[in-house]
PDB file of N, CA and C in Angstrom:
ATOM      1  N   UNK A   1       0.839  -1.198   0.000  1.00  0.00           N
ATOM      2  CA  UNK A   1       0.000   0.000   0.000  1.00  0.00           C
ATOM      3  C   UNK A   1       0.874   1.249   0.000  1.00  0.00           C
ATOM      4  N   UNK A   2       0.274   2.339  -0.352  1.00  0.00           N
ATOM      5  CA  UNK A   2       0.954   3.622  -0.411  1.00  0.00           C
ATOM      6  C   UNK A   2       0.778   4.405   0.873  1.00  0.00           C
ATOM      7  N   UNK A   3       1.696   5.333   1.056  1.00  0.00           N
ATOM      8  CA  UNK A   3       1.562   6.295   2.141  1.00  0.00           C
ATOM      9  C   UNK A   3       0.449   7.257   1.751  1.00  0.00           C
ATOM     10  N   UNK A   4      -0.458   7.517   2.685  1.00  0.00           N
ATOM     11  CA  UNK A   4      -1.567   8.434   2.446  1.00  0.00           C
ATOM     12  C   UNK A   4      -1.558   9.488   3.536  1.00  0.00           C
ATOM     13  N   UNK A   5      -1.696  10.751   3.142  1.00  0.00           N
ATOM     14  CA  UNK A   5      -1.797  11.846   4.099  1.00  0.00           C
ATOM     15  C   UNK A   5      -3.248  12.310   4.111  1.00  0.00           C
ATOM     16  N   UNK A   6      -3.863  12.252   5.280  1.00  0.00           N
ATOM     17  CA  UNK A   6      -5.256  12.650   5.455  1.00  0.00           C
ATOM     18  C   UNK A   6      -5.296  14.015   6.138  1.00  0.00           C
ATOM     19  N   UNK A   7      -6.147  14.895   5.665  1.00  0.00           N
ATOM     20  CA  UNK A   7      -6.413  16.168   6.323  1.00  0.00           C
ATOM     21  C   UNK A   7      -7.756  16.013   7.010  1.00  0.00           C
ATOM     22  N   UNK A   8      -7.760  16.173   8.341  1.00  0.00           N
ATOM     23  CA  UNK A   8      -8.940  15.829   9.141  1.00  0.00           C
ATOM     24  C   UNK A   8      -9.292  16.924  10.140  1.00  0.00           C
ATOM     25  N   UNK A   9     -10.536  16.929  10.571  1.00  0.00           N
ATOM     26  CA  UNK A   9     -10.946  17.818  11.659  1.00  0.00           C
ATOM     27  C   UNK A   9     -10.935  17.092  12.996  1.00  0.00           C
ATOM     28  N   UNK A  10     -10.866  15.760  12.957  1.00  0.00           N
ATOM     29  CA  UNK A  10     -10.728  14.956  14.170  1.00  0.00           C
ATOM     30  C   UNK A  10     -10.054  13.634  13.811  1.00  0.00           C
ATOM     31  N   UNK A  11      -9.459  13.005  14.809  1.00  0.00           N
ATOM     32  CA  UNK A  11      -8.768  11.736  14.586  1.00  0.00           C
ATOM     33  C   UNK A  11      -9.796  10.598  14.598  1.00  0.00           C
ATOM     34  N   UNK A  12      -9.833   9.790  13.545  1.00  0.00           N
ATOM     35  CA  UNK A  12     -10.788   8.668  13.525  1.00  0.00           C
ATOM     36  C   UNK A  12     -10.487   7.659  14.638  1.00  0.00           C
ATOM     37  N   UNK A  13     -11.527   7.087  15.157  1.00  0.00           N
ATOM     38  CA  UNK A  13     -11.408   6.121  16.250  1.00  0.00           C
ATOM     39  C   UNK A  13     -10.448   4.978  15.897  1.00  0.00           C
ATOM     40  N   UNK A  14     -10.494   4.524  14.665  1.00  0.00           N
ATOM     41  CA  UNK A  14      -9.661   3.396  14.249  1.00  0.00           C
ATOM     42  C   UNK A  14      -8.163   3.694  14.311  1.00  0.00           C
ATOM     43  N   UNK A  15      -7.786   4.971  14.345  1.00  0.00           N
ATOM     44  CA  UNK A  15      -6.366   5.343  14.365  1.00  0.00           C
ATOM     45  C   UNK A  15      -5.887   5.845  15.723  1.00  0.00           C
ATOM     46  N   UNK A  16      -6.773   5.924  16.695  1.00  0.00           N
ATOM     47  CA  UNK A  16      -6.390   6.505  17.987  1.00  0.00           C
ATOM     48  C   UNK A  16      -5.292   5.723  18.701  1.00  0.00           C
ATOM     49  N   UNK A  17      -5.273   4.422  18.613  1.00  0.00           N
ATOM     50  CA  UNK A  17      -4.228   3.636  19.286  1.00  0.00           C
ATOM     51  C   UNK A  17      -2.854   3.943  18.695  1.00  0.00           C
ATOM     52  N   UNK A  18      -2.778   4.050  17.367  1.00  0.00           N
ATOM     53  CA  UNK A  18      -1.497   4.385  16.737  1.00  0.00           C
ATOM     54  C   UNK A  18      -1.110   5.833  16.999  1.00  0.00           C
ATOM     55  N   UNK A  19      -2.082   6.719  17.041  1.00  0.00           N
ATOM     56  CA  UNK A  19      -1.808   8.122  17.378  1.00  0.00           C
ATOM     57  C   UNK A  19      -1.235   8.203  18.793  1.00  0.00           C
ATOM     58  N   UNK A  20      -1.780   7.414  19.704  1.00  0.00           N
ATOM     59  CA  UNK A  20      -1.238   7.382  21.069  1.00  0.00           C
ATOM     60  C   UNK A  20       0.217   6.936  21.075  1.00  0.00           C
ATOM     61  N   UNK A  21       0.581   6.001  20.206  1.00  0.00           N
ATOM     62  CA  UNK A  21       1.974   5.564  20.107  1.00  0.00           C
ATOM     63  C   UNK A  21       2.869   6.691  19.595  1.00  0.00           C
ATOM     64  N   UNK A  22       2.371   7.481  18.664  1.00  0.00           N
ATOM     65  CA  UNK A  22       3.139   8.621  18.152  1.00  0.00           C
ATOM     66  C   UNK A  22       3.304   9.660  19.251  1.00  0.00           C
ATOM     67  N   UNK A  23       2.229   9.960  19.959  1.00  0.00           N
ATOM     68  CA  UNK A  23       2.272  10.964  21.028  1.00  0.00           C
ATOM     69  C   UNK A  23       3.077  10.499  22.237  1.00  0.00           C
ATOM     70  N   UNK A  24       3.298   9.203  22.359  1.00  0.00           N
ATOM     71  CA  UNK A  24       4.010   8.639  23.514  1.00  0.00           C
ATOM     72  C   UNK A  24       5.403   9.249  23.704  1.00  0.00           C
ATOM     73  N   UNK A  25       6.052   9.650  22.606  1.00  0.00           N
ATOM     74  CA  UNK A  25       7.396  10.216  22.710  1.00  0.00           C
ATOM     75  C   UNK A  25       7.382  11.619  23.309  1.00  0.00           C
ATOM     76  N   UNK A  26       6.222  12.248  23.375  1.00  0.00           N
ATOM     77  CA  UNK A  26       6.092  13.581  23.968  1.00  0.00           C
ATOM     78  C   UNK A  26       4.888  13.585  24.906  1.00  0.00           C
ATOM     79  N   UNK A  27       5.044  13.031  26.111  1.00  0.00           N
ATOM     80  CA  UNK A  27       3.896  12.843  27.005  1.00  0.00           C
ATOM     81  C   UNK A  27       3.227  14.146  27.456  1.00  0.00           C
ATOM     82  N   UNK A  28       3.902  15.277  27.347  1.00  0.00           N
ATOM     83  CA  UNK A  28       3.294  16.551  27.756  1.00  0.00           C
ATOM     84  C   UNK A  28       2.340  17.108  26.701  1.00  0.00           C
ATOM     85  N   UNK A  29       2.347  16.544  25.529  1.00  0.00           N
ATOM     86  CA  UNK A  29       1.519  17.035  24.428  1.00  0.00           C
ATOM     87  C   UNK A  29       0.169  16.312  24.440  1.00  0.00           C
ATOM     88  N   UNK A  30      -0.883  17.101  24.325  1.00  0.00           N
ATOM     89  CA  UNK A  30      -2.243  16.568  24.246  1.00  0.00           C
ATOM     90  C   UNK A  30      -2.856  16.979  22.909  1.00  0.00           C
ATOM     91  N   UNK A  31      -3.686  16.133  22.347  1.00  0.00           N
ATOM     92  CA  UNK A  31      -4.407  16.503  21.133  1.00  0.00           C
ATOM     93  C   UNK A  31      -5.317  17.685  21.432  1.00  0.00           C
ATOM     94  N   UNK A  32      -5.287  18.716  20.624  1.00  0.00           N
ATOM     95  CA  UNK A  32      -6.234  19.815  20.832  1.00  0.00           C
ATOM     96  C   UNK A  32      -7.636  19.381  20.419  1.00  0.00           C
ATOM     97  N   UNK A  33      -8.621  20.054  20.963  1.00  0.00           N
ATOM     98  CA  UNK A  33      -9.994  19.721  20.590  1.00  0.00           C
ATOM     99  C   UNK A  33     -10.301  20.169  19.169  1.00  0.00           C
ATOM    100  N   UNK A  34      -9.749  21.318  18.778  1.00  0.00           N
ATOM    101  CA  UNK A  34      -9.989  21.827  17.433  1.00  0.00           C
ATOM    102  C   UNK A  34      -8.664  22.157  16.772  1.00  0.00           C
ATOM    103  N   UNK A  35      -8.469  21.604  15.592  1.00  0.00           N
ATOM    104  CA  UNK A  35      -7.274  21.866  14.803  1.00  0.00           C
ATOM    105  C   UNK A  35      -7.482  21.237  13.436  1.00  0.00           C
ATOM    106  N   UNK A  36      -6.589  21.545  12.540  1.00  0.00           N
ATOM    107  CA  UNK A  36      -6.517  20.853  11.267  1.00  0.00           C
ATOM    108  C   UNK A  36      -5.475  19.762  11.470  1.00  0.00           C
ATOM    109  N   UNK A  37      -5.907  18.523  11.502  1.00  0.00           N
ATOM    110  CA  UNK A  37      -5.017  17.394  11.754  1.00  0.00           C
ATOM    111  C   UNK A  37      -4.529  16.815  10.428  1.00  0.00           C
ATOM    112  N   UNK A  38      -3.286  16.398  10.426  1.00  0.00           N
ATOM    113  CA  UNK A  38      -2.692  15.711   9.281  1.00  0.00           C
ATOM    114  C   UNK A  38      -2.215  14.358   9.790  1.00  0.00           C
ATOM    115  N   UNK A  39      -2.766  13.322   9.228  1.00  0.00           N
ATOM    116  CA  UNK A  39      -2.446  11.975   9.669  1.00  0.00           C
ATOM    117  C   UNK A  39      -1.899  11.192   8.476  1.00  0.00           C
ATOM    118  N   UNK A  40      -0.675  10.696   8.626  1.00  0.00           N
ATOM    119  CA  UNK A  40      -0.070   9.869   7.583  1.00  0.00           C
ATOM    120  C   UNK A  40      -0.315   8.417   7.950  1.00  0.00           C
ATOM    121  N   UNK A  41      -0.840   7.669   7.003  1.00  0.00           N
ATOM    122  CA  UNK A  41      -1.088   6.250   7.243  1.00  0.00           C
ATOM    123  C   UNK A  41      -0.365   5.418   6.187  1.00  0.00           C
ATOM    124  N   UNK A  42       0.062   4.257   6.619  1.00  0.00           N
ATOM    125  CA  UNK A  42       0.669   3.272   5.729  1.00  0.00           C
ATOM    126  C   UNK A  42       0.103   1.920   6.143  1.00  0.00           C
ATOM    127  N   UNK A  43      -0.442   1.188   5.178  1.00  0.00           N
ATOM    128  CA  UNK A  43      -1.133  -0.070   5.480  1.00  0.00           C
ATOM    129  C   UNK A  43      -2.187   0.121   6.564  1.00  0.00           C
ATOM    130  N   UNK A  44      -2.897   1.242   6.479  1.00  0.00           N
ATOM    131  CA  UNK A  44      -3.984   1.597   7.385  1.00  0.00           C
ATOM    132  C   UNK A  44      -3.548   1.758   8.847  1.00  0.00           C
ATOM    133  N   UNK A  45      -2.266   2.015   9.062  1.00  0.00           N
ATOM    134  CA  UNK A  45      -1.765   2.314  10.402  1.00  0.00           C
ATOM    135  C   UNK A  45      -1.194   3.723  10.395  1.00  0.00           C
ATOM    136  N   UNK A  46      -1.523   4.489  11.430  1.00  0.00           N
ATOM    137  CA  UNK A  46      -1.001   5.848  11.532  1.00  0.00           C
ATOM    138  C   UNK A  46       0.493   5.792  11.816  1.00  0.00           C
ATOM    139  N   UNK A  47       1.283   6.486  10.980  1.00  0.00           N
ATOM    140  CA  UNK A  47       2.737   6.487  11.146  1.00  0.00           C
ATOM    141  C   UNK A  47       3.295   7.882  11.403  1.00  0.00           C
ATOM    142  N   UNK A  48       2.470   8.920  11.206  1.00  0.00           N
ATOM    143  CA  UNK A  48       2.909  10.291  11.473  1.00  0.00           C
ATOM    144  C   UNK A  48       1.685  11.155  11.745  1.00  0.00           C
ATOM    145  N   UNK A  49       1.923  12.203  12.510  1.00  0.00           N
ATOM    146  CA  UNK A  49       0.836  13.081  12.926  1.00  0.00           C
ATOM    147  C   UNK A  49       1.337  14.512  13.003  1.00  0.00           C
ATOM    148  N   UNK A  50       0.496  15.435  12.601  1.00  0.00           N
ATOM    149  CA  UNK A  50       0.771  16.867  12.768  1.00  0.00           C
ATOM    150  C   UNK A  50      -0.568  17.556  12.932  1.00  0.00           C
ATOM    151  N   UNK A  51      -0.522  18.746  13.508  1.00  0.00           N
ATOM    152  CA  UNK A  51      -1.730  19.570  13.493  1.00  0.00           C
ATOM    153  C   UNK A  51      -1.352  21.023  13.378  1.00  0.00           C
ATOM    154  N   UNK A  52      -2.312  21.765  12.792  1.00  0.00           N
ATOM    155  CA  UNK A  52      -2.126  23.189  12.538  1.00  0.00           C
ATOM    156  C   UNK A  52      -3.333  23.937  13.079  1.00  0.00           C
ATOM    157  N   UNK A  53      -3.042  25.030  13.760  1.00  0.00           N
ATOM    158  CA  UNK A  53      -4.083  25.955  14.209  1.00  0.00           C
ATOM    159  C   UNK A  53      -3.689  27.309  13.639  1.00  0.00           C
ATOM    160  N   UNK A  54      -4.453  27.774  12.655  1.00  0.00           N
ATOM    161  CA  UNK A  54      -4.126  28.960  11.882  1.00  0.00           C
ATOM    162  C   UNK A  54      -2.760  28.757  11.228  1.00  0.00           C
ATOM    163  N   UNK A  55      -1.790  29.660  11.495  1.00  0.00           N
ATOM    164  CA  UNK A  55      -0.479  29.529  10.852  1.00  0.00           C
ATOM    165  C   UNK A  55       0.542  28.824  11.748  1.00  0.00           C
ATOM    166  N   UNK A  56       0.092  28.259  12.843  1.00  0.00           N
ATOM    167  CA  UNK A  56       1.002  27.627  13.810  1.00  0.00           C
ATOM    168  C   UNK A  56       0.885  26.108  13.751  1.00  0.00           C
ATOM    169  N   UNK A  57       2.010  25.470  13.477  1.00  0.00           N
ATOM    170  CA  UNK A  57       2.058  24.014  13.576  1.00  0.00           C
ATOM    171  C   UNK A  57       2.257  23.680  15.039  1.00  0.00           C
ATOM    172  N   UNK A  58       1.288  23.033  15.625  1.00  0.00           N
ATOM    173  CA  UNK A  58       1.364  22.716  17.041  1.00  0.00           C
ATOM    174  C   UNK A  58       2.129  21.447  17.328  1.00  0.00           C
ATOM    175  N   UNK A  59       2.259  20.590  16.307  1.00  0.00           N
ATOM    176  CA  UNK A  59       2.911  19.308  16.544  1.00  0.00           C
ATOM    177  C   UNK A  59       3.243  18.679  15.209  1.00  0.00           C
ATOM    178  N   UNK A  60       4.412  18.074  15.128  1.00  0.00           N
ATOM    179  CA  UNK A  60       4.823  17.285  13.966  1.00  0.00           C
ATOM    180  C   UNK A  60       5.658  16.127  14.493  1.00  0.00           C
ATOM    181  N   UNK A  61       5.265  14.904  14.189  1.00  0.00           N
ATOM    182  CA  UNK A  61       6.051  13.752  14.637  1.00  0.00           C
ATOM    183  C   UNK A  61       5.804  12.556  13.725  1.00  0.00           C
ATOM    184  N   UNK A  62       6.858  11.788  13.550  1.00  0.00           N
ATOM    185  CA  UNK A  62       6.793  10.520  12.833  1.00  0.00           C
ATOM    186  C   UNK A  62       7.077   9.434  13.852  1.00  0.00           C
ATOM    187  N   UNK A  63       6.312   8.377  13.796  1.00  0.00           N
ATOM    188  CA  UNK A  63       6.513   7.274  14.733  1.00  0.00           C
ATOM    189  C   UNK A  63       7.947   6.758  14.624  1.00  0.00           C
ATOM    190  N   UNK A  64       8.568   6.520  15.752  1.00  0.00           N
ATOM    191  CA  UNK A  64       9.989   6.177  15.789  1.00  0.00           C
ATOM    192  C   UNK A  64      10.347   4.982  14.908  1.00  0.00           C
ATOM    193  N   UNK A  65       9.477   4.000  14.790  1.00  0.00           N
ATOM    194  CA  UNK A  65       9.769   2.818  13.982  1.00  0.00           C
ATOM    195  C   UNK A  65       9.793   3.089  12.480  1.00  0.00           C
ATOM    196  N   UNK A  66       9.236   4.216  12.062  1.00  0.00           N
ATOM    197  CA  UNK A  66       9.120   4.491  10.631  1.00  0.00           C
ATOM    198  C   UNK A  66       9.889   5.733  10.198  1.00  0.00           C
ATOM    199  N   UNK A  67      10.766   6.234  11.025  1.00  0.00           N
ATOM    200  CA  UNK A  67      11.541   7.429  10.670  1.00  0.00           C
ATOM    201  C   UNK A  67      12.583   7.114   9.605  1.00  0.00           C
ATOM    202  N   UNK A  68      13.028   8.184   8.925  1.00  0.00           N
ATOM    203  CA  UNK A  68      14.090   8.127   7.919  1.00  0.00           C
ATOM    204  C   UNK A  68      13.663   7.355   6.666  1.00  0.00           C
ATOM    205  N   UNK A  69      12.369   7.477   6.348  1.00  0.00           N
ATOM    206  CA  UNK A  69      11.845   6.813   5.149  1.00  0.00           C
ATOM    207  C   UNK A  69      11.089   7.785   4.243  1.00  0.00           C
ATOM    208  N   UNK A  70      11.195   9.087   4.521  1.00  0.00           N
ATOM    209  CA  UNK A  70      10.532  10.093   3.695  1.00  0.00           C
ATOM    210  C   UNK A  70       9.129  10.441   4.137  1.00  0.00           C
ATOM    211  N   UNK A  71       8.661   9.853   5.216  1.00  0.00           N
ATOM    212  CA  UNK A  71       7.292  10.110   5.678  1.00  0.00           C
ATOM    213  C   UNK A  71       7.149  11.550   6.160  1.00  0.00           C
ATOM    214  N   UNK A  72       8.086  12.011   6.959  1.00  0.00           N
ATOM    215  CA  UNK A  72       8.028  13.389   7.460  1.00  0.00           C
ATOM    216  C   UNK A  72       8.102  14.402   6.333  1.00  0.00           C
ATOM    217  N   UNK A  73       8.952  14.143   5.359  1.00  0.00           N
ATOM    218  CA  UNK A  73       9.092  15.041   4.203  1.00  0.00           C
ATOM    219  C   UNK A  73       7.771  15.122   3.438  1.00  0.00           C
ATOM    220  N   UNK A  74       7.122  13.971   3.223  1.00  0.00           N
ATOM    221  CA  UNK A  74       5.848  13.957   2.510  1.00  0.00           C
ATOM    222  C   UNK A  74       4.753  14.638   3.342  1.00  0.00           C
ATOM    223  N   UNK A  75       4.762  14.415   4.641  1.00  0.00           N
ATOM    224  CA  UNK A  75       3.797  15.060   5.534  1.00  0.00           C
ATOM    225  C   UNK A  75       3.937  16.577   5.456  1.00  0.00           C
ATOM    226  N   UNK A  76       5.163  17.074   5.546  1.00  0.00           N
ATOM    227  CA  UNK A  76       5.375  18.525   5.470  1.00  0.00           C
ATOM    228  C   UNK A  76       5.018  19.085   4.097  1.00  0.00           C
ATOM    229  N   UNK A  77       5.296  18.348   3.037  1.00  0.00           N
ATOM    230  CA  UNK A  77       4.914  18.804   1.706  1.00  0.00           C
ATOM    231  C   UNK A  77       3.399  19.004   1.633  1.00  0.00           C
ATOM    232  N   UNK A  78       2.671  18.056   2.182  1.00  0.00           N
ATOM    233  CA  UNK A  78       1.206  18.136   2.199  1.00  0.00           C
ATOM    234  C   UNK A  78       0.740  19.331   3.040  1.00  0.00           C
ATOM    235  N   UNK A  79       1.343  19.529   4.200  1.00  0.00           N
ATOM    236  CA  UNK A  79       0.966  20.644   5.081  1.00  0.00           C
ATOM    237  C   UNK A  79       1.233  21.976   4.389  1.00  0.00           C
ATOM    238  N   UNK A  80       2.382  22.105   3.739  1.00  0.00           N
ATOM    239  CA  UNK A  80       2.727  23.348   3.029  1.00  0.00           C
ATOM    240  C   UNK A  80       1.710  23.641   1.929  1.00  0.00           C
ATOM    241  N   UNK A  81       1.356  22.613   1.160  1.00  0.00           N
ATOM    242  CA  UNK A  81       0.358  22.791   0.100  1.00  0.00           C
ATOM    243  C   UNK A  81      -0.997  23.191   0.675  1.00  0.00           C
ATOM    244  N   UNK A  82      -1.394  22.551   1.758  1.00  0.00           N
ATOM    245  CA  UNK A  82      -2.671  22.880   2.385  1.00  0.00           C
ATOM    246  C   UNK A  82      -2.666  24.307   2.921  1.00  0.00           C
ATOM    247  N   UNK A  83      -1.556  24.713   3.522  1.00  0.00           N
ATOM    248  CA  UNK A  83      -1.444  26.085   4.031  1.00  0.00           C
ATOM    249  C   UNK A  83      -1.552  27.095   2.889  1.00  0.00           C
ATOM    250  N   UNK A  84      -0.905  26.791   1.786  1.00  0.00           N
ATOM    251  CA  UNK A  84      -0.961  27.672   0.623  1.00  0.00           C
ATOM    252  C   UNK A  84      -2.396  27.788   0.111  1.00  0.00           C
ATOM    253  N   UNK A  85      -3.097  26.654   0.002  1.00  0.00           N
ATOM    254  CA  UNK A  85      -4.482  26.667  -0.470  1.00  0.00           C
ATOM    255  C   UNK A  85      -5.421  27.343   0.531  1.00  0.00           C
ATOM    256  N   UNK A  86      -5.009  27.399   1.789  1.00  0.00           N
ATOM    257  CA  UNK A  86      -5.814  28.065   2.822  1.00  0.00           C
ATOM    258  C   UNK A  86      -5.541  29.565   2.873  1.00  0.00           C
ATOM    259  N   UNK A  87      -4.626  30.043   2.032  1.00  0.00           N
ATOM    260  CA  UNK A  87      -4.332  31.464   1.977  1.00  0.00           C
ATOM    261  C   UNK A  87      -3.304  31.942   2.990  1.00  0.00           C
ATOM    262  N   UNK A  88      -2.611  31.030   3.632  1.00  0.00           N
ATOM    263  CA  UNK A  88      -1.590  31.432   4.600  1.00  0.00           C
ATOM    264  C   UNK A  88      -0.322  31.875   3.872  1.00  0.00           C
ATOM    265  N   UNK A  89       0.419  32.782   4.483  1.00  0.00           N
ATOM    266  CA  UNK A  89       1.689  33.220   3.915  1.00  0.00           C
ATOM    267  C   UNK A  89       2.880  32.690   4.697  1.00  0.00           C
ATOM    268  N   UNK A  90       2.628  32.158   5.889  1.00  0.00           N
ATOM    269  CA  UNK A  90       3.716  31.687   6.739  1.00  0.00           C
ATOM    270  C   UNK A  90       3.218  30.567   7.648  1.00  0.00           C
ATOM    271  N   UNK A  91       4.103  29.627   7.932  1.00  0.00           N
ATOM    272  CA  UNK A  91       3.873  28.608   8.949  1.00  0.00           C
ATOM    273  C   UNK A  91       4.902  28.823  10.046  1.00  0.00           C
ATOM    274  N   UNK A  92       4.477  28.716  11.292  1.00  0.00           N
ATOM    275  CA  UNK A  92       5.384  28.861  12.436  1.00  0.00           C
ATOM    276  C   UNK A  92       5.347  27.585  13.263  1.00  0.00           C
ATOM    277  N   UNK A  93       6.469  27.297  13.919  1.00  0.00           N
ATOM    278  CA  UNK A  93       6.547  26.105  14.745  1.00  0.00           C
ATOM    279  C   UNK A  93       7.568  26.326  15.849  1.00  0.00           C
ATOM    280  N   UNK A  94       7.207  25.946  17.068  1.00  0.00           N
ATOM    281  CA  UNK A  94       8.133  25.986  18.200  1.00  0.00           C
ATOM    282  C   UNK A  94       8.689  24.582  18.389  1.00  0.00           C
ATOM    283  N   UNK A  95       9.993  24.380  18.158  1.00  0.00           N
ATOM    284  CA  UNK A  95      10.569  23.037  18.294  1.00  0.00           C
ATOM    285  C   UNK A  95      10.517  22.478  19.717  1.00  0.00           C
ATOM    286  N   UNK A  96      10.178  23.303  20.713  1.00  0.00           N
ATOM    287  CA  UNK A  96      10.079  22.824  22.092  1.00  0.00           C
ATOM    288  C   UNK A  96       8.959  21.803  22.247  1.00  0.00           C
ATOM    289  N   UNK A  97       8.117  21.655  21.231  1.00  0.00           N
ATOM    290  CA  UNK A  97       7.075  20.625  21.259  1.00  0.00           C
ATOM    291  C   UNK A  97       7.677  19.236  21.335  1.00  0.00           C
ATOM    292  N   UNK A  98       8.888  19.081  20.811  1.00  0.00           N
ATOM    293  CA  UNK A  98       9.542  17.766  20.808  1.00  0.00           C
ATOM    294  C   UNK A  98      10.210  17.513  22.147  1.00  0.00           C
ATOM    295  N   UNK A  99      10.357  16.247  22.478  1.00  0.00           N
ATOM    296  CA  UNK A  99      11.077  15.897  23.701  1.00  0.00           C
ATOM    297  C   UNK A  99      12.528  16.374  23.559  1.00  0.00           C
ATOM    298  N   UNK A 100      13.206  16.653  24.668  1.00  0.00           N
ATOM    299  CA  UNK A 100      14.599  17.111  24.573  1.00  0.00           C
ATOM    300  C   UNK A 100      15.482  16.166  23.753  1.00  0.00           C
ATOM    301  N   UNK A 101      15.260  14.875  23.842  1.00  0.00           N
ATOM    302  CA  UNK A 101      16.070  13.916  23.088  1.00  0.00           C
ATOM    303  C   UNK A 101      15.815  14.013  21.581  1.00  0.00           C
ATOM    304  N   UNK A 102      14.581  14.347  21.182  1.00  0.00           N
ATOM    305  CA  UNK A 102      14.229  14.422  19.759  1.00  0.00           C
ATOM    306  C   UNK A 102      14.374  15.816  19.157  1.00  0.00           C
ATOM    307  N   UNK A 103      14.557  16.833  19.990  1.00  0.00           N
ATOM    308  CA  UNK A 103      14.579  18.210  19.509  1.00  0.00           C
ATOM    309  C   UNK A 103      15.679  18.489  18.485  1.00  0.00           C
ATOM    310  N   UNK A 104      16.932  18.060  18.704  1.00  0.00           N
ATOM    311  CA  UNK A 104      17.957  18.339  17.684  1.00  0.00           C
ATOM    312  C   UNK A 104      17.620  17.731  16.321  1.00  0.00           C
ATOM    313  N   UNK A 105      17.095  16.528  16.322  1.00  0.00           N
ATOM    314  CA  UNK A 105      16.708  15.897  15.060  1.00  0.00           C
ATOM    315  C   UNK A 105      15.569  16.630  14.384  1.00  0.00           C
ATOM    316  N   UNK A 106      14.590  17.080  15.169  1.00  0.00           N
ATOM    317  CA  UNK A 106      13.470  17.836  14.603  1.00  0.00           C
ATOM    318  C   UNK A 106      13.961  19.150  14.017  1.00  0.00           C
ATOM    319  N   UNK A 107      14.821  19.854  14.749  1.00  0.00           N
ATOM    320  CA  UNK A 107      15.372  21.122  14.248  1.00  0.00           C
ATOM    321  C   UNK A 107      16.088  20.914  12.918  1.00  0.00           C
ATOM    322  N   UNK A 108      16.964  19.923  12.863  1.00  0.00           N
ATOM    323  CA  UNK A 108      17.723  19.651  11.643  1.00  0.00           C
ATOM    324  C   UNK A 108      16.784  19.297  10.489  1.00  0.00           C
ATOM    325  N   UNK A 109      15.792  18.471  10.757  1.00  0.00           N
ATOM    326  CA  UNK A 109      14.844  18.062   9.729  1.00  0.00           C
ATOM    327  C   UNK A 109      14.071  19.268   9.202  1.00  0.00           C
ATOM    328  N   UNK A 110      13.551  20.104  10.095  1.00  0.00           N
ATOM    329  CA  UNK A 110      12.760  21.259   9.666  1.00  0.00           C
ATOM    330  C   UNK A 110      13.610  22.255   8.884  1.00  0.00           C
ATOM    331  N   UNK A 111      14.839  22.454   9.302  1.00  0.00           N
ATOM    332  CA  UNK A 111      15.718  23.359   8.561  1.00  0.00           C
ATOM    333  C   UNK A 111      16.006  22.799   7.170  1.00  0.00           C
ATOM    334  N   UNK A 112      16.173  21.500   7.072  1.00  0.00           N
ATOM    335  CA  UNK A 112      16.372  20.842   5.778  1.00  0.00           C
ATOM    336  C   UNK A 112      15.150  21.033   4.882  1.00  0.00           C
ATOM    337  N   UNK A 113      13.980  21.159   5.480  1.00  0.00           N
ATOM    338  CA  UNK A 113      12.730  21.330   4.742  1.00  0.00           C
ATOM    339  C   UNK A 113      12.382  22.794   4.476  1.00  0.00           C
ATOM    340  N   UNK A 114      13.315  23.707   4.760  1.00  0.00           N
ATOM    341  CA  UNK A 114      13.116  25.115   4.415  1.00  0.00           C
ATOM    342  C   UNK A 114      12.674  26.017   5.544  1.00  0.00           C
ATOM    343  N   UNK A 115      12.532  25.503   6.754  1.00  0.00           N
ATOM    344  CA  UNK A 115      12.176  26.343   7.893  1.00  0.00           C
ATOM    345  C   UNK A 115      13.426  27.086   8.357  1.00  0.00           C
ATOM    346  N   UNK A 116      13.244  28.348   8.737  1.00  0.00           N
ATOM    347  CA  UNK A 116      14.359  29.151   9.222  1.00  0.00           C
ATOM    348  C   UNK A 116      13.992  29.753  10.572  1.00  0.00           C
ATOM    349  N   UNK A 117      15.000  30.216  11.282  1.00  0.00           N
ATOM    350  CA  UNK A 117      14.772  30.852  12.570  1.00  0.00           C
ATOM    351  C   UNK A 117      15.701  30.299  13.617  1.00  0.00           C
ATOM    352  N   UNK A 118      15.260  30.379  14.863  1.00  0.00           N
ATOM    353  CA  UNK A 118      16.077  29.945  15.983  1.00  0.00           C
ATOM    354  C   UNK A 118      15.511  28.666  16.571  1.00  0.00           C
ATOM    355  N   UNK A 119      16.189  28.158  17.568  1.00  0.00           N
ATOM    356  CA  UNK A 119      15.697  26.944  18.225  1.00  0.00           C
ATOM    357  C   UNK A 119      14.411  27.193  18.995  1.00  0.00           C
ATOM    358  N   UNK A 120      14.000  28.468  19.135  1.00  0.00           N
ATOM    359  CA  UNK A 120      12.776  28.797  19.871  1.00  0.00           C
ATOM    360  C   UNK A 120      11.578  29.045  18.955  1.00  0.00           C
ATOM    361  N   UNK A 121      11.835  29.393  17.692  1.00  0.00           N
ATOM    362  CA  UNK A 121      10.739  29.610  16.752  1.00  0.00           C
ATOM    363  C   UNK A 121      11.268  29.485  15.336  1.00  0.00           C
ATOM    364  N   UNK A 122      10.704  28.560  14.592  1.00  0.00           N
ATOM    365  CA  UNK A 122      11.032  28.383  13.202  1.00  0.00           C
ATOM    366  C   UNK A 122       9.849  28.824  12.360  1.00  0.00           C
ATOM    367  N   UNK A 123      10.122  29.302  11.167  1.00  0.00           N
ATOM    368  CA  UNK A 123       9.021  29.680  10.287  1.00  0.00           C
ATOM    369  C   UNK A 123       9.355  29.273   8.854  1.00  0.00           C
ATOM    370  N   UNK A 124       8.305  29.178   8.085  1.00  0.00           N
ATOM    371  CA  UNK A 124       8.425  28.806   6.682  1.00  0.00           C
ATOM    372  C   UNK A 124       7.517  29.731   5.884  1.00  0.00           C
ATOM    373  N   UNK A 125       8.049  30.369   4.834  1.00  0.00           N
ATOM    374  CA  UNK A 125       7.248  31.239   3.981  1.00  0.00           C
ATOM    375  C   UNK A 125       6.524  30.402   2.954  1.00  0.00           C
ATOM    376  N   UNK A 126       5.208  30.509   2.945  1.00  0.00           N
ATOM    377  CA  UNK A 126       4.366  29.787   1.999  1.00  0.00           C
ATOM    378  C   UNK A 126       4.152  30.706   0.806  1.00  0.00           C
ATOM    379  N   UNK A 127       4.498  30.253  -0.364  1.00  0.00           N
ATOM    380  CA  UNK A 127       4.326  31.079  -1.570  1.00  0.00           C
ATOM    381  C   UNK A 127       3.216  30.563  -2.426  1.00  0.00           C
TER     382      UNK A 127
END
């Protein structure tokens, strides 16, 4: 099966167990009640999750077992396209959302994907 990126207003019940596994790496993070959710699935299992509230990405994570396979890159490509179609000019993200152990990797990944700024706030210009 192919990787599929879903744009959702809520997480489907069938994917909540896998979403919990993704969120497990950052126990202080809770799903917001309202957001634009992006869920990447492979073989009908959630492998990555992100959400956006206006121009702020509140969370971006790929399940640890599936990292380094292009899933995060595809997820961000989808988010950027959706932001552009929503009329946004910028996306912002605070890397502190990641656990301290994962933060350097997240920073490096986001910078590789065109985000600029400091370790406290990264942004991406949507054209």
